[in-house]
PDB file of N, CA and C in Angstrom:
ATOM      1  N   MET A   1    -126.319 139.225  39.577  1.00  0.00           N
ATOM      2  CA  MET A   1    -127.628 138.738  39.974  1.00  0.00           C
ATOM      3  C   MET A   1    -128.568 139.890  40.349  1.00  0.00           C
ATOM      4  N   THR A   2    -128.021 140.927  40.960  1.00  0.00           N
ATOM      5  CA  THR A   2    -128.825 142.074  41.364  1.00  0.00           C
ATOM      6  C   THR A   2    -129.437 142.765  40.151  1.00  0.00           C
ATOM      7  N   GLY A   3    -128.639 142.904  39.067  1.00  0.00           N
ATOM      8  CA  GLY A   3    -129.145 143.524  37.846  1.00  0.00           C
ATOM      9  C   GLY A   3    -130.276 142.719  37.235  1.00  0.00           C
ATOM     10  N   LEU A   4    -130.156 141.392  37.278  1.00  0.00           N
ATOM     11  CA  LEU A   4    -131.195 140.512  36.742  1.00  0.00           C
ATOM     12  C   LEU A   4    -132.490 140.672  37.529  1.00  0.00           C
ATOM     13  N   LEU A   5    -132.382 140.645  38.846  1.00  0.00           N
ATOM     14  CA  LEU A   5    -133.581 140.797  39.688  1.00  0.00           C
ATOM     15  C   LEU A   5    -134.219 142.167  39.497  1.00  0.00           C
ATOM     16  N   ALA A   6    -133.397 143.197  39.350  1.00  0.00           N
ATOM     17  CA  ALA A   6    -133.934 144.538  39.124  1.00  0.00           C
ATOM     18  C   ALA A   6    -134.649 144.615  37.779  1.00  0.00           C
ATOM     19  N   ALA A   7    -134.078 143.992  36.753  1.00  0.00           N
ATOM     20  CA  ALA A   7    -134.707 143.998  35.426  1.00  0.00           C
ATOM     21  C   ALA A   7    -136.053 143.281  35.462  1.00  0.00           C
ATOM     22  N   ILE A   8    -136.118 142.162  36.165  1.00  0.00           N
ATOM     23  CA  ILE A   8    -137.375 141.418  36.273  1.00  0.00           C
ATOM     24  C   ILE A   8    -138.404 142.229  37.063  1.00  0.00           C
ATOM     25  N   ALA A   9    -137.961 142.864  38.146  1.00  0.00           N
ATOM     26  CA  ALA A   9    -138.886 143.658  38.975  1.00  0.00           C
ATOM     27  C   ALA A   9    -139.426 144.862  38.207  1.00  0.00           C
ATOM     28  N   VAL A  10    -138.554 145.577  37.531  1.00  0.00           N
ATOM     29  CA  VAL A  10    -138.995 146.742  36.755  1.00  0.00           C
ATOM     30  C   VAL A  10    -139.900 146.294  35.607  1.00  0.00           C
ATOM     31  N   GLY A  11    -139.479 145.237  34.912  1.00  0.00           N
ATOM     32  CA  GLY A  11    -140.305 144.705  33.831  1.00  0.00           C
ATOM     33  C   GLY A  11    -141.667 144.270  34.337  1.00  0.00           C
ATOM     34  N   GLY A  12    -141.693 143.615  35.491  1.00  0.00           N
ATOM     35  CA  GLY A  12    -142.957 143.165  36.070  1.00  0.00           C
ATOM     36  C   GLY A  12    -143.877 144.323  36.411  1.00  0.00           C
ATOM     37  N   ALA A  13    -143.319 145.362  36.998  1.00  0.00           N
ATOM     38  CA  ALA A  13    -144.127 146.537  37.339  1.00  0.00           C
ATOM     39  C   ALA A  13    -144.694 147.178  36.075  1.00  0.00           C
ATOM     40  N   LEU A  14    -143.862 147.329  35.056  1.00  0.00           N
ATOM     41  CA  LEU A  14    -144.328 147.934  33.803  1.00  0.00           C
ATOM     42  C   LEU A  14    -145.355 147.050  33.092  1.00  0.00           C
ATOM     43  N   GLY A  15    -145.159 145.732  33.151  1.00  0.00           N
ATOM     44  CA  GLY A  15    -146.116 144.813  32.533  1.00  0.00           C
ATOM     45  C   GLY A  15    -147.470 144.862  33.215  1.00  0.00           C
ATOM     46  N   ALA A  16    -147.467 144.895  34.548  1.00  0.00           N
ATOM     47  CA  ALA A  16    -148.726 144.951  35.294  1.00  0.00           C
ATOM     48  C   ALA A  16    -149.457 146.265  35.024  1.00  0.00           C
ATOM     49  N   LEU A  17    -148.710 147.360  35.015  1.00  0.00           N
ATOM     50  CA  LEU A  17    -149.329 148.657  34.737  1.00  0.00           C
ATOM     51  C   LEU A  17    -149.861 148.720  33.304  1.00  0.00           C
ATOM     52  N   SER A  18    -149.130 148.130  32.373  1.00  0.00           N
ATOM     53  CA  SER A  18    -149.572 148.104  30.973  1.00  0.00           C
ATOM     54  C   SER A  18    -150.846 147.298  30.823  1.00  0.00           C
ATOM     55  N   ARG A  19    -150.896 146.146  31.499  1.00  0.00           N
ATOM     56  CA  ARG A  19    -152.094 145.310  31.445  1.00  0.00           C
ATOM     57  C   ARG A  19    -153.303 146.075  31.994  1.00  0.00           C
ATOM     58  N   PHE A  20    -153.106 146.720  33.130  1.00  0.00           N
ATOM     59  CA  PHE A  20    -154.190 147.481  33.752  1.00  0.00           C
ATOM     60  C   PHE A  20    -154.658 148.610  32.837  1.00  0.00           C
ATOM     61  N   ALA A  21    -153.715 149.370  32.307  1.00  0.00           N
ATOM     62  CA  ALA A  21    -154.062 150.525  31.472  1.00  0.00           C
ATOM     63  C   ALA A  21    -154.759 150.095  30.186  1.00  0.00           C
ATOM     64  N   LEU A  22    -154.244 149.068  29.539  1.00  0.00           N
ATOM     65  CA  LEU A  22    -154.858 148.596  28.298  1.00  0.00           C
ATOM     66  C   LEU A  22    -156.256 148.046  28.561  1.00  0.00           C
ATOM     67  N   GLY A  23    -156.393 147.248  29.608  1.00  0.00           N
ATOM     68  CA  GLY A  23    -157.703 146.697  29.950  1.00  0.00           C
ATOM     69  C   GLY A  23    -158.710 147.786  30.285  1.00  0.00           C
ATOM     70  N   LEU A  24    -158.286 148.741  31.072  1.00  0.00           N
ATOM     71  CA  LEU A  24    -159.164 149.851  31.443  1.00  0.00           C
ATOM     72  C   LEU A  24    -159.547 150.678  30.218  1.00  0.00           C
ATOM     73  N   GLY A  25    -158.577 150.967  29.373  1.00  0.00           N
ATOM     74  CA  GLY A  25    -158.851 151.740  28.164  1.00  0.00           C
ATOM     75  C   GLY A  25    -159.823 151.046  27.238  1.00  0.00           C
ATOM     76  N   MET A  26    -159.670 149.742  27.082  1.00  0.00           N
ATOM     77  CA  MET A  26    -160.574 148.990  26.209  1.00  0.00           C
ATOM     78  C   MET A  26    -161.979 148.958  26.780  1.00  0.00           C
ATOM     79  N   LEU A  27    -162.097 148.796  28.091  1.00  0.00           N
ATOM     80  CA  LEU A  27    -163.436 148.769  28.699  1.00  0.00           C
ATOM     81  C   LEU A  27    -164.106 150.130  28.654  1.00  0.00           C
ATOM     82  N   ARG A  28    -163.329 151.190  28.620  1.00  0.00           N
ATOM     83  CA  ARG A  28    -163.928 152.525  28.457  1.00  0.00           C
ATOM     84  C   ARG A  28    -164.468 152.697  27.045  1.00  0.00           C
ATOM     85  N   LEU A  29    -163.745 152.137  26.065  1.00  0.00           N
ATOM     86  CA  LEU A  29    -164.209 152.215  24.676  1.00  0.00           C
ATOM     87  C   LEU A  29    -165.392 151.285  24.419  1.00  0.00           C
ATOM     88  N   TRP A  30    -165.317 150.082  24.984  1.00  0.00           N
ATOM     89  CA  TRP A  30    -166.352 149.061  24.771  1.00  0.00           C
ATOM     90  C   TRP A  30    -166.779 148.508  26.132  1.00  0.00           C
ATOM     91  N   PRO A  31    -167.669 149.211  26.842  1.00  0.00           N
ATOM     92  CA  PRO A  31    -168.043 148.818  28.203  1.00  0.00           C
ATOM     93  C   PRO A  31    -168.669 147.422  28.313  1.00  0.00           C
ATOM     94  N   ASP A  32    -169.286 146.945  27.264  1.00  0.00           N
ATOM     95  CA  ASP A  32    -169.947 145.641  27.317  1.00  0.00           C
ATOM     96  C   ASP A  32    -169.050 144.494  26.869  1.00  0.00           C
ATOM     97  N   ALA A  33    -167.811 144.774  26.541  1.00  0.00           N
ATOM     98  CA  ALA A  33    -166.884 143.757  26.017  1.00  0.00           C
ATOM     99  C   ALA A  33    -166.132 143.107  27.176  1.00  0.00           C
ATOM    100  N   PHE A  34    -166.834 142.311  27.968  1.00  0.00           N
ATOM    101  CA  PHE A  34    -166.303 141.734  29.207  1.00  0.00           C
ATOM    102  C   PHE A  34    -164.940 141.066  29.050  1.00  0.00           C
ATOM    103  N   ALA A  35    -164.798 140.089  28.191  1.00  0.00           N
ATOM    104  CA  ALA A  35    -163.556 139.322  28.093  1.00  0.00           C
ATOM    105  C   ALA A  35    -162.618 139.814  27.000  1.00  0.00           C
ATOM    106  N   LEU A  36    -163.020 140.797  26.236  1.00  0.00           N
ATOM    107  CA  LEU A  36    -162.197 141.281  25.126  1.00  0.00           C
ATOM    108  C   LEU A  36    -160.822 141.777  25.575  1.00  0.00           C
ATOM    109  N   PRO A  37    -160.719 142.572  26.646  1.00  0.00           N
ATOM    110  CA  PRO A  37    -159.386 143.011  27.051  1.00  0.00           C
ATOM    111  C   PRO A  37    -158.440 141.851  27.360  1.00  0.00           C
ATOM    112  N   THR A  38    -158.926 140.833  28.046  1.00  0.00           N
ATOM    113  CA  THR A  38    -158.078 139.681  28.368  1.00  0.00           C
ATOM    114  C   THR A  38    -157.627 138.967  27.105  1.00  0.00           C
ATOM    115  N   LEU A  39    -158.540 138.785  26.164  1.00  0.00           N
ATOM    116  CA  LEU A  39    -158.187 138.134  24.903  1.00  0.00           C
ATOM    117  C   LEU A  39    -157.132 138.940  24.155  1.00  0.00           C
ATOM    118  N   VAL A  40    -157.331 140.248  24.045  1.00  0.00           N
ATOM    119  CA  VAL A  40    -156.383 141.099  23.324  1.00  0.00           C
ATOM    120  C   VAL A  40    -155.024 141.104  24.023  1.00  0.00           C
ATOM    121  N   ILE A  41    -155.029 141.205  25.340  1.00  0.00           N
ATOM    122  CA  ILE A  41    -153.775 141.194  26.105  1.00  0.00           C
ATOM    123  C   ILE A  41    -153.055 139.870  25.908  1.00  0.00           C
ATOM    124  N   ASN A  42    -153.777 138.764  25.970  1.00  0.00           N
ATOM    125  CA  ASN A  42    -153.150 137.454  25.749  1.00  0.00           C
ATOM    126  C   ASN A  42    -152.578 137.340  24.343  1.00  0.00           C
ATOM    127  N   LEU A  43    -153.311 137.803  23.350  1.00  0.00           N
ATOM    128  CA  LEU A  43    -152.808 137.758  21.971  1.00  0.00           C
ATOM    129  C   LEU A  43    -151.568 138.623  21.801  1.00  0.00           C
ATOM    130  N   LEU A  44    -151.593 139.832  22.342  1.00  0.00           N
ATOM    131  CA  LEU A  44    -150.426 140.715  22.253  1.00  0.00           C
ATOM    132  C   LEU A  44    -149.218 140.124  22.977  1.00  0.00           C
ATOM    133  N   GLY A  45    -149.467 139.551  24.146  1.00  0.00           N
ATOM    134  CA  GLY A  45    -148.374 138.925  24.899  1.00  0.00           C
ATOM    135  C   GLY A  45    -147.775 137.736  24.162  1.00  0.00           C
ATOM    136  N   CYS A  46    -148.621 136.946  23.534  1.00  0.00           N
ATOM    137  CA  CYS A  46    -148.137 135.786  22.767  1.00  0.00           C
ATOM    138  C   CYS A  46    -147.346 136.238  21.541  1.00  0.00           C
ATOM    139  N   LEU A  47    -147.826 137.256  20.857  1.00  0.00           N
ATOM    140  CA  LEU A  47    -147.086 137.795  19.717  1.00  0.00           C
ATOM    141  C   LEU A  47    -145.730 138.318  20.181  1.00  0.00           C
ATOM    142  N   ALA A  48    -145.727 139.060  21.274  1.00  0.00           N
ATOM    143  CA  ALA A  48    -144.481 139.639  21.791  1.00  0.00           C
ATOM    144  C   ALA A  48    -143.487 138.570  22.220  1.00  0.00           C
ATOM    145  N   ILE A  49    -143.954 137.518  22.911  1.00  0.00           N
ATOM    146  CA  ILE A  49    -143.013 136.495  23.366  1.00  0.00           C
ATOM    147  C   ILE A  49    -142.464 135.699  22.180  1.00  0.00           C
ATOM    148  N   GLY A  50    -143.279 135.536  21.140  1.00  0.00           N
ATOM    149  CA  GLY A  50    -142.777 134.878  19.931  1.00  0.00           C
ATOM    150  C   GLY A  50    -141.692 135.690  19.259  1.00  0.00           C
ATOM    151  N   ILE A  51    -141.911 136.997  19.177  1.00  0.00           N
ATOM    152  CA  ILE A  51    -140.911 137.885  18.573  1.00  0.00           C
ATOM    153  C   ILE A  51    -139.633 137.883  19.400  1.00  0.00           C
ATOM    154  N   LEU A  52    -139.757 138.049  20.713  1.00  0.00           N
ATOM    155  CA  LEU A  52    -138.573 138.092  21.572  1.00  0.00           C
ATOM    156  C   LEU A  52    -137.808 136.775  21.563  1.00  0.00           C
ATOM    157  N   TYR A  53    -138.520 135.675  21.642  1.00  0.00           N
ATOM    158  CA  TYR A  53    -137.865 134.363  21.621  1.00  0.00           C
ATOM    159  C   TYR A  53    -137.139 134.161  20.293  1.00  0.00           C
ATOM    160  N   GLY A  54    -137.777 134.554  19.202  1.00  0.00           N
ATOM    161  CA  GLY A  54    -137.137 134.461  17.891  1.00  0.00           C
ATOM    162  C   GLY A  54    -135.883 135.304  17.810  1.00  0.00           C
ATOM    163  N   LEU A  55    -135.938 136.498  18.381  1.00  0.00           N
ATOM    164  CA  LEU A  55    -134.755 137.368  18.393  1.00  0.00           C
ATOM    165  C   LEU A  55    -133.603 136.717  19.151  1.00  0.00           C
ATOM    166  N   TRP A  56    -133.898 136.156  20.313  1.00  0.00           N
ATOM    167  CA  TRP A  56    -132.833 135.550  21.110  1.00  0.00           C
ATOM    168  C   TRP A  56    -132.323 134.239  20.515  1.00  0.00           C
ATOM    169  N   LEU A  57    -133.153 133.531  19.782  1.00  0.00           N
ATOM    170  CA  LEU A  57    -132.666 132.338  19.088  1.00  0.00           C
ATOM    171  C   LEU A  57    -131.670 132.717  18.000  1.00  0.00           C
ATOM    172  N   ASN A  58    -131.962 133.802  17.298  1.00  0.00           N
ATOM    173  CA  ASN A  58    -131.118 134.236  16.189  1.00  0.00           C
ATOM    174  C   ASN A  58    -129.957 135.111  16.625  1.00  0.00           C
ATOM    175  N   ARG A  59    -130.028 135.683  17.808  1.00  0.00           N
ATOM    176  CA  ARG A  59    -128.980 136.579  18.293  1.00  0.00           C
ATOM    177  C   ARG A  59    -128.665 136.258  19.751  1.00  0.00           C
ATOM    178  N   PRO A  60    -128.011 135.130  20.013  1.00  0.00           N
ATOM    179  CA  PRO A  60    -127.757 134.716  21.402  1.00  0.00           C
ATOM    180  C   PRO A  60    -126.858 135.677  22.179  1.00  0.00           C
ATOM    181  N   GLU A  61    -126.193 136.591  21.482  1.00  0.00           N
ATOM    182  CA  GLU A  61    -125.331 137.545  22.182  1.00  0.00           C
ATOM    183  C   GLU A  61    -126.124 138.651  22.886  1.00  0.00           C
ATOM    184  N   LEU A  62    -127.427 138.723  22.609  1.00  0.00           N
ATOM    185  CA  LEU A  62    -128.260 139.722  23.275  1.00  0.00           C
ATOM    186  C   LEU A  62    -128.309 139.430  24.775  1.00  0.00           C
ATOM    187  N   SER A  63    -128.399 140.461  25.551  1.00  0.00           N
ATOM    188  CA  SER A  63    -128.301 140.386  27.002  1.00  0.00           C
ATOM    189  C   SER A  63    -129.367 139.492  27.645  1.00  0.00           C
ATOM    190  N   PRO A  64    -128.935 138.512  28.443  1.00  0.00           N
ATOM    191  CA  PRO A  64    -129.909 137.695  29.176  1.00  0.00           C
ATOM    192  C   PRO A  64    -130.657 138.502  30.239  1.00  0.00           C
ATOM    193  N   VAL A  65    -130.060 139.583  30.710  1.00  0.00           N
ATOM    194  CA  VAL A  65    -130.739 140.445  31.680  1.00  0.00           C
ATOM    195  C   VAL A  65    -131.928 141.133  31.004  1.00  0.00           C
ATOM    196  N   VAL A  66    -131.710 141.643  29.796  1.00  0.00           N
ATOM    197  CA  VAL A  66    -132.794 142.268  29.044  1.00  0.00           C
ATOM    198  C   VAL A  66    -133.847 141.218  28.699  1.00  0.00           C
ATOM    199  N   GLN A  67    -133.398 140.030  28.287  1.00  0.00           N
ATOM    200  CA  GLN A  67    -134.325 138.945  27.940  1.00  0.00           C
ATOM    201  C   GLN A  67    -135.237 138.619  29.115  1.00  0.00           C
ATOM    202  N   GLN A  68    -134.665 138.412  30.283  1.00  0.00           N
ATOM    203  CA  GLN A  68    -135.472 138.058  31.451  1.00  0.00           C
ATOM    204  C   GLN A  68    -136.326 139.232  31.928  1.00  0.00           C
ATOM    205  N   GLY A  69    -135.799 140.445  31.787  1.00  0.00           N
ATOM    206  CA  GLY A  69    -136.588 141.623  32.158  1.00  0.00           C
ATOM    207  C   GLY A  69    -137.834 141.750  31.303  1.00  0.00           C
ATOM    208  N   LEU A  70    -137.684 141.455  30.012  1.00  0.00           N
ATOM    209  CA  LEU A  70    -138.828 141.552  29.102  1.00  0.00           C
ATOM    210  C   LEU A  70    -139.737 140.333  29.171  1.00  0.00           C
ATOM    211  N   MET A  71    -139.134 139.134  29.109  1.00  0.00           N
ATOM    212  CA  MET A  71    -139.967 137.926  29.024  1.00  0.00           C
ATOM    213  C   MET A  71    -140.547 137.529  30.381  1.00  0.00           C
ATOM    214  N   THR A  72    -139.692 137.397  31.395  1.00  0.00           N
ATOM    215  CA  THR A  72    -140.180 136.980  32.709  1.00  0.00           C
ATOM    216  C   THR A  72    -140.858 138.137  33.434  1.00  0.00           C
ATOM    217  N   GLY A  73    -140.229 139.314  33.389  1.00  0.00           N
ATOM    218  CA  GLY A  73    -140.778 140.465  34.094  1.00  0.00           C
ATOM    219  C   GLY A  73    -141.980 141.067  33.406  1.00  0.00           C
ATOM    220  N   PHE A  74    -141.736 141.736  32.280  1.00  0.00           N
ATOM    221  CA  PHE A  74    -142.825 142.460  31.611  1.00  0.00           C
ATOM    222  C   PHE A  74    -143.936 141.525  31.153  1.00  0.00           C
ATOM    223  N   LEU A  75    -143.595 140.523  30.333  1.00  0.00           N
ATOM    224  CA  LEU A  75    -144.643 139.648  29.799  1.00  0.00           C
ATOM    225  C   LEU A  75    -145.240 138.742  30.870  1.00  0.00           C
ATOM    226  N   GLY A  76    -144.438 138.385  31.870  1.00  0.00           N
ATOM    227  CA  GLY A  76    -144.961 137.577  32.977  1.00  0.00           C
ATOM    228  C   GLY A  76    -146.057 138.299  33.738  1.00  0.00           C
ATOM    229  N   ALA A  77    -145.899 139.610  33.884  1.00  0.00           N
ATOM    230  CA  ALA A  77    -146.934 140.401  34.560  1.00  0.00           C
ATOM    231  C   ALA A  77    -148.033 140.823  33.594  1.00  0.00           C
ATOM    232  N   PHE A  78    -147.680 141.023  32.339  1.00  0.00           N
ATOM    233  CA  PHE A  78    -148.664 141.434  31.333  1.00  0.00           C
ATOM    234  C   PHE A  78    -149.629 140.291  31.057  1.00  0.00           C
ATOM    235  N   THR A  79    -149.096 139.086  30.856  1.00  0.00           N
ATOM    236  CA  THR A  79    -149.920 137.899  30.630  1.00  0.00           C
ATOM    237  C   THR A  79    -149.096 136.644  30.804  1.00  0.00           C
ATOM    238  N   THR A  80    -149.549 135.738  31.661  1.00  0.00           N
ATOM    239  CA  THR A  80    -148.840 134.466  31.779  1.00  0.00           C
ATOM    240  C   THR A  80    -149.198 133.533  30.630  1.00  0.00           C
ATOM    241  N   PHE A  81    -150.219 133.886  29.886  1.00  0.00           N
ATOM    242  CA  PHE A  81    -150.626 133.052  28.763  1.00  0.00           C
ATOM    243  C   PHE A  81    -149.521 132.975  27.719  1.00  0.00           C
ATOM    244  N   SER A  82    -148.710 134.026  27.633  1.00  0.00           N
ATOM    245  CA  SER A  82    -147.610 134.024  26.664  1.00  0.00           C
ATOM    246  C   SER A  82    -146.586 132.947  27.018  1.00  0.00           C
ATOM    247  N   ALA A  83    -146.257 132.793  28.291  1.00  0.00           N
ATOM    248  CA  ALA A  83    -145.302 131.755  28.702  1.00  0.00           C
ATOM    249  C   ALA A  83    -145.890 130.364  28.452  1.00  0.00           C
ATOM    250  N   PHE A  84    -147.150 130.193  28.766  1.00  0.00           N
ATOM    251  CA  PHE A  84    -147.838 128.929  28.504  1.00  0.00           C
ATOM    252  C   PHE A  84    -147.783 128.583  27.015  1.00  0.00           C
ATOM    253  N   SER A  85    -148.069 129.552  26.177  1.00  0.00           N
ATOM    254  CA  SER A  85    -148.065 129.327  24.733  1.00  0.00           C
ATOM    255  C   SER A  85    -146.675 128.979  24.223  1.00  0.00           C
ATOM    256  N   LEU A  86    -145.666 129.672  24.733  1.00  0.00           N
ATOM    257  CA  LEU A  86    -144.294 129.378  24.311  1.00  0.00           C
ATOM    258  C   LEU A  86    -143.883 127.972  24.745  1.00  0.00           C
ATOM    259  N   ASP A  87    -144.232 127.577  25.955  1.00  0.00           N
ATOM    260  CA  ASP A  87    -143.908 126.229  26.418  1.00  0.00           C
ATOM    261  C   ASP A  87    -144.550 125.170  25.517  1.00  0.00           C
ATOM    262  N   ALA A  88    -145.815 125.361  25.187  1.00  0.00           N
ATOM    263  CA  ALA A  88    -146.512 124.406  24.313  1.00  0.00           C
ATOM    264  C   ALA A  88    -145.870 124.388  22.924  1.00  0.00           C
ATOM    265  N   TRP A  89    -145.548 125.555  22.423  1.00  0.00           N
ATOM    266  CA  TRP A  89    -144.917 125.638  21.094  1.00  0.00           C
ATOM    267  C   TRP A  89    -143.568 124.940  21.085  1.00  0.00           C
ATOM    268  N   ARG A  90    -142.770 125.130  22.130  1.00  0.00           N
ATOM    269  CA  ARG A  90    -141.438 124.517  22.180  1.00  0.00           C
ATOM    270  C   ARG A  90    -141.543 122.997  22.251  1.00  0.00           C
ATOM    271  N   LEU A  91    -142.522 122.487  22.981  1.00  0.00           N
ATOM    272  CA  LEU A  91    -142.730 121.038  23.012  1.00  0.00           C
ATOM    273  C   LEU A  91    -143.051 120.515  21.610  1.00  0.00           C
ATOM    274  N   ALA A  92    -143.977 121.174  20.936  1.00  0.00           N
ATOM    275  CA  ALA A  92    -144.366 120.746  19.589  1.00  0.00           C
ATOM    276  C   ALA A  92    -143.198 120.879  18.622  1.00  0.00           C
ATOM    277  N   GLU A  93    -142.462 121.956  18.731  1.00  0.00           N
ATOM    278  CA  GLU A  93    -141.321 122.210  17.847  1.00  0.00           C
ATOM    279  C   GLU A  93    -140.217 121.165  18.032  1.00  0.00           C
ATOM    280  N   ASN A  94    -140.117 120.624  19.236  1.00  0.00           N
ATOM    281  CA  ASN A  94    -139.113 119.605  19.530  1.00  0.00           C
ATOM    282  C   ASN A  94    -139.617 118.193  19.239  1.00  0.00           C
ATOM    283  N   GLY A  95    -140.699 118.100  18.482  1.00  0.00           N
ATOM    284  CA  GLY A  95    -141.210 116.793  18.085  1.00  0.00           C
ATOM    285  C   GLY A  95    -142.056 116.103  19.135  1.00  0.00           C
ATOM    286  N   GLN A  96    -142.459 116.825  20.153  1.00  0.00           N
ATOM    287  CA  GLN A  96    -143.263 116.253  21.225  1.00  0.00           C
ATOM    288  C   GLN A  96    -144.699 116.756  21.118  1.00  0.00           C
ATOM    289  N   SER A  97    -145.282 116.555  19.941  1.00  0.00           N
ATOM    290  CA  SER A  97    -146.623 117.085  19.658  1.00  0.00           C
ATOM    291  C   SER A  97    -147.679 116.528  20.597  1.00  0.00           C
ATOM    292  N   LEU A  98    -147.617 115.245  20.881  1.00  0.00           N
ATOM    293  CA  LEU A  98    -148.599 114.640  21.772  1.00  0.00           C
ATOM    294  C   LEU A  98    -148.470 115.206  23.188  1.00  0.00           C
ATOM    295  N   LEU A  99    -147.241 115.390  23.636  1.00  0.00           N
ATOM    296  CA  LEU A  99    -147.014 115.987  24.952  1.00  0.00           C
ATOM    297  C   LEU A  99    -147.503 117.435  24.967  1.00  0.00           C
ATOM    298  N   ALA A 100    -147.276 118.160  23.876  1.00  0.00           N
ATOM    299  CA  ALA A 100    -147.743 119.547  23.766  1.00  0.00           C
ATOM    300  C   ALA A 100    -149.265 119.604  23.861  1.00  0.00           C
ATOM    301  N   LEU A 101    -149.942 118.728  23.124  1.00  0.00           N
ATOM    302  CA  LEU A 101    -151.398 118.682  23.162  1.00  0.00           C
ATOM    303  C   LEU A 101    -151.891 118.333  24.560  1.00  0.00           C
ATOM    304  N   GLY A 102    -151.254 117.358  25.190  1.00  0.00           N
ATOM    305  CA  GLY A 102    -151.615 116.990  26.555  1.00  0.00           C
ATOM    306  C   GLY A 102    -151.411 118.138  27.525  1.00  0.00           C
ATOM    307  N   TYR A 103    -150.308 118.853  27.354  1.00  0.00           N
ATOM    308  CA  TYR A 103    -150.006 120.013  28.196  1.00  0.00           C
ATOM    309  C   TYR A 103    -151.077 121.093  28.054  1.00  0.00           C
ATOM    310  N   VAL A 104    -151.482 121.365  26.824  1.00  0.00           N
ATOM    311  CA  VAL A 104    -152.504 122.378  26.573  1.00  0.00           C
ATOM    312  C   VAL A 104    -153.838 121.956  27.194  1.00  0.00           C
ATOM    313  N   LEU A 105    -154.263 120.751  26.898  1.00  0.00           N
ATOM    314  CA  LEU A 105    -155.550 120.279  27.415  1.00  0.00           C
ATOM    315  C   LEU A 105    -155.543 120.192  28.931  1.00  0.00           C
ATOM    316  N   LEU A 106    -154.473 119.631  29.479  1.00  0.00           N
ATOM    317  CA  LEU A 106    -154.380 119.483  30.926  1.00  0.00           C
ATOM    318  C   LEU A 106    -154.331 120.859  31.603  1.00  0.00           C
ATOM    319  N   SER A 107    -153.566 121.780  31.046  1.00  0.00           N
ATOM    320  CA  SER A 107    -153.459 123.118  31.633  1.00  0.00           C
ATOM    321  C   SER A 107    -154.816 123.813  31.662  1.00  0.00           C
ATOM    322  N   VAL A 108    -155.502 123.796  30.543  1.00  0.00           N
ATOM    323  CA  VAL A 108    -156.795 124.480  30.478  1.00  0.00           C
ATOM    324  C   VAL A 108    -157.791 123.817  31.427  1.00  0.00           C
ATOM    325  N   CYS A 109    -157.895 122.508  31.371  1.00  0.00           N
ATOM    326  CA  CYS A 109    -158.869 121.803  32.218  1.00  0.00           C
ATOM    327  C   CYS A 109    -158.540 121.946  33.700  1.00  0.00           C
ATOM    328  N   LEU A 110    -157.278 121.759  34.061  1.00  0.00           N
ATOM    329  CA  LEU A 110    -156.911 121.866  35.473  1.00  0.00           C
ATOM    330  C   LEU A 110    -157.033 123.298  35.990  1.00  0.00           C
ATOM    331  N   CYS A 111    -156.690 124.275  35.155  1.00  0.00           N
ATOM    332  CA  CYS A 111    -156.794 125.666  35.591  1.00  0.00           C
ATOM    333  C   CYS A 111    -158.250 126.078  35.771  1.00  0.00           C
ATOM    334  N   LEU A 112    -159.122 125.636  34.869  1.00  0.00           N
ATOM    335  CA  LEU A 112    -160.551 125.913  35.052  1.00  0.00           C
ATOM    336  C   LEU A 112    -161.072 125.238  36.310  1.00  0.00           C
ATOM    337  N   THR A 113    -160.631 124.020  36.555  1.00  0.00           N
ATOM    338  CA  THR A 113    -161.045 123.293  37.758  1.00  0.00           C
ATOM    339  C   THR A 113    -160.526 123.978  39.010  1.00  0.00           C
ATOM    340  N   ALA A 114    -159.265 124.440  38.976  1.00  0.00           N
ATOM    341  CA  ALA A 114    -158.688 125.136  40.138  1.00  0.00           C
ATOM    342  C   ALA A 114    -159.429 126.453  40.401  1.00  0.00           C
ATOM    343  N   THR A 115    -159.800 127.151  39.333  1.00  0.00           N
ATOM    344  CA  THR A 115    -160.566 128.382  39.492  1.00  0.00           C
ATOM    345  C   THR A 115    -161.916 128.082  40.151  1.00  0.00           C
ATOM    346  N   TRP A 116    -162.581 127.047  39.671  1.00  0.00           N
ATOM    347  CA  TRP A 116    -163.864 126.638  40.247  1.00  0.00           C
ATOM    348  C   TRP A 116    -163.677 126.262  41.723  1.00  0.00           C
ATOM    349  N   ALA A 117    -162.626 125.480  42.023  1.00  0.00           N
ATOM    350  CA  ALA A 117    -162.380 125.050  43.402  1.00  0.00           C
ATOM    351  C   ALA A 117    -162.126 126.257  44.311  1.00  0.00           C
ATOM    352  N   GLY A 118    -161.344 127.208  43.812  1.00  0.00           N
ATOM    353  CA  GLY A 118    -161.103 128.409  44.591  1.00  0.00           C
ATOM    354  C   GLY A 118    -162.376 129.173  44.884  1.00  0.00           C
ATOM    355  N   LEU A 119    -163.233 129.277  43.885  1.00  0.00           N
ATOM    356  CA  LEU A 119    -164.516 129.941  44.076  1.00  0.00           C
ATOM    357  C   LEU A 119    -165.385 129.185  45.072  1.00  0.00           C
ATOM    358  N   MET A 120    -165.391 127.863  44.985  1.00  0.00           N
ATOM    359  CA  MET A 120    -166.204 127.056  45.888  1.00  0.00           C
ATOM    360  C   MET A 120    -165.705 127.188  47.336  1.00  0.00           C
ATOM    361  N   LEU A 121    -164.394 127.334  47.502  1.00  0.00           N
ATOM    362  CA  LEU A 121    -163.838 127.480  48.846  1.00  0.00           C
ATOM    363  C   LEU A 121    -164.271 128.796  49.507  1.00  0.00           C
ATOM    364  N   THR A 122    -164.635 129.770  48.697  1.00  0.00           N
ATOM    365  CA  THR A 122    -165.030 131.075  49.259  1.00  0.00           C
ATOM    366  C   THR A 122    -166.537 131.228  49.399  1.00  0.00           C
ATOM    367  N   ARG A 123    -167.276 130.240  48.966  1.00  0.00           N
ATOM    368  CA  ARG A 123    -168.747 130.356  49.050  1.00  0.00           C
ATOM    369  C   ARG A 123    -169.287 129.673  50.265  1.00  0.00           C
TER     370      ARG A 123
END
């Protein structure tokens, strides 16, 4: 269990630093591109989680410690959008397309509402 927690912690630290560095680098190149870094980070995270999930589906003997270090730790800190996308994809892949669509719509709407509520609480 200690190795798993260490892998997640190290992965999380590296993911957060990667997100910061990539976002900062992109804004230095394109100072007026407000949301571009977030979009690119989310796309990269989604591509990465798809690749990693595919690898573990095809090679279950691969280490679960490495899997959690990369998926939960690194990608969890790099972008939570990747986990959201994988959850929606797995629902659809399991024949639960309507539930997947509901999950996507509900997540986006509720998260935007929660963001608004948080902002309103501070004003």
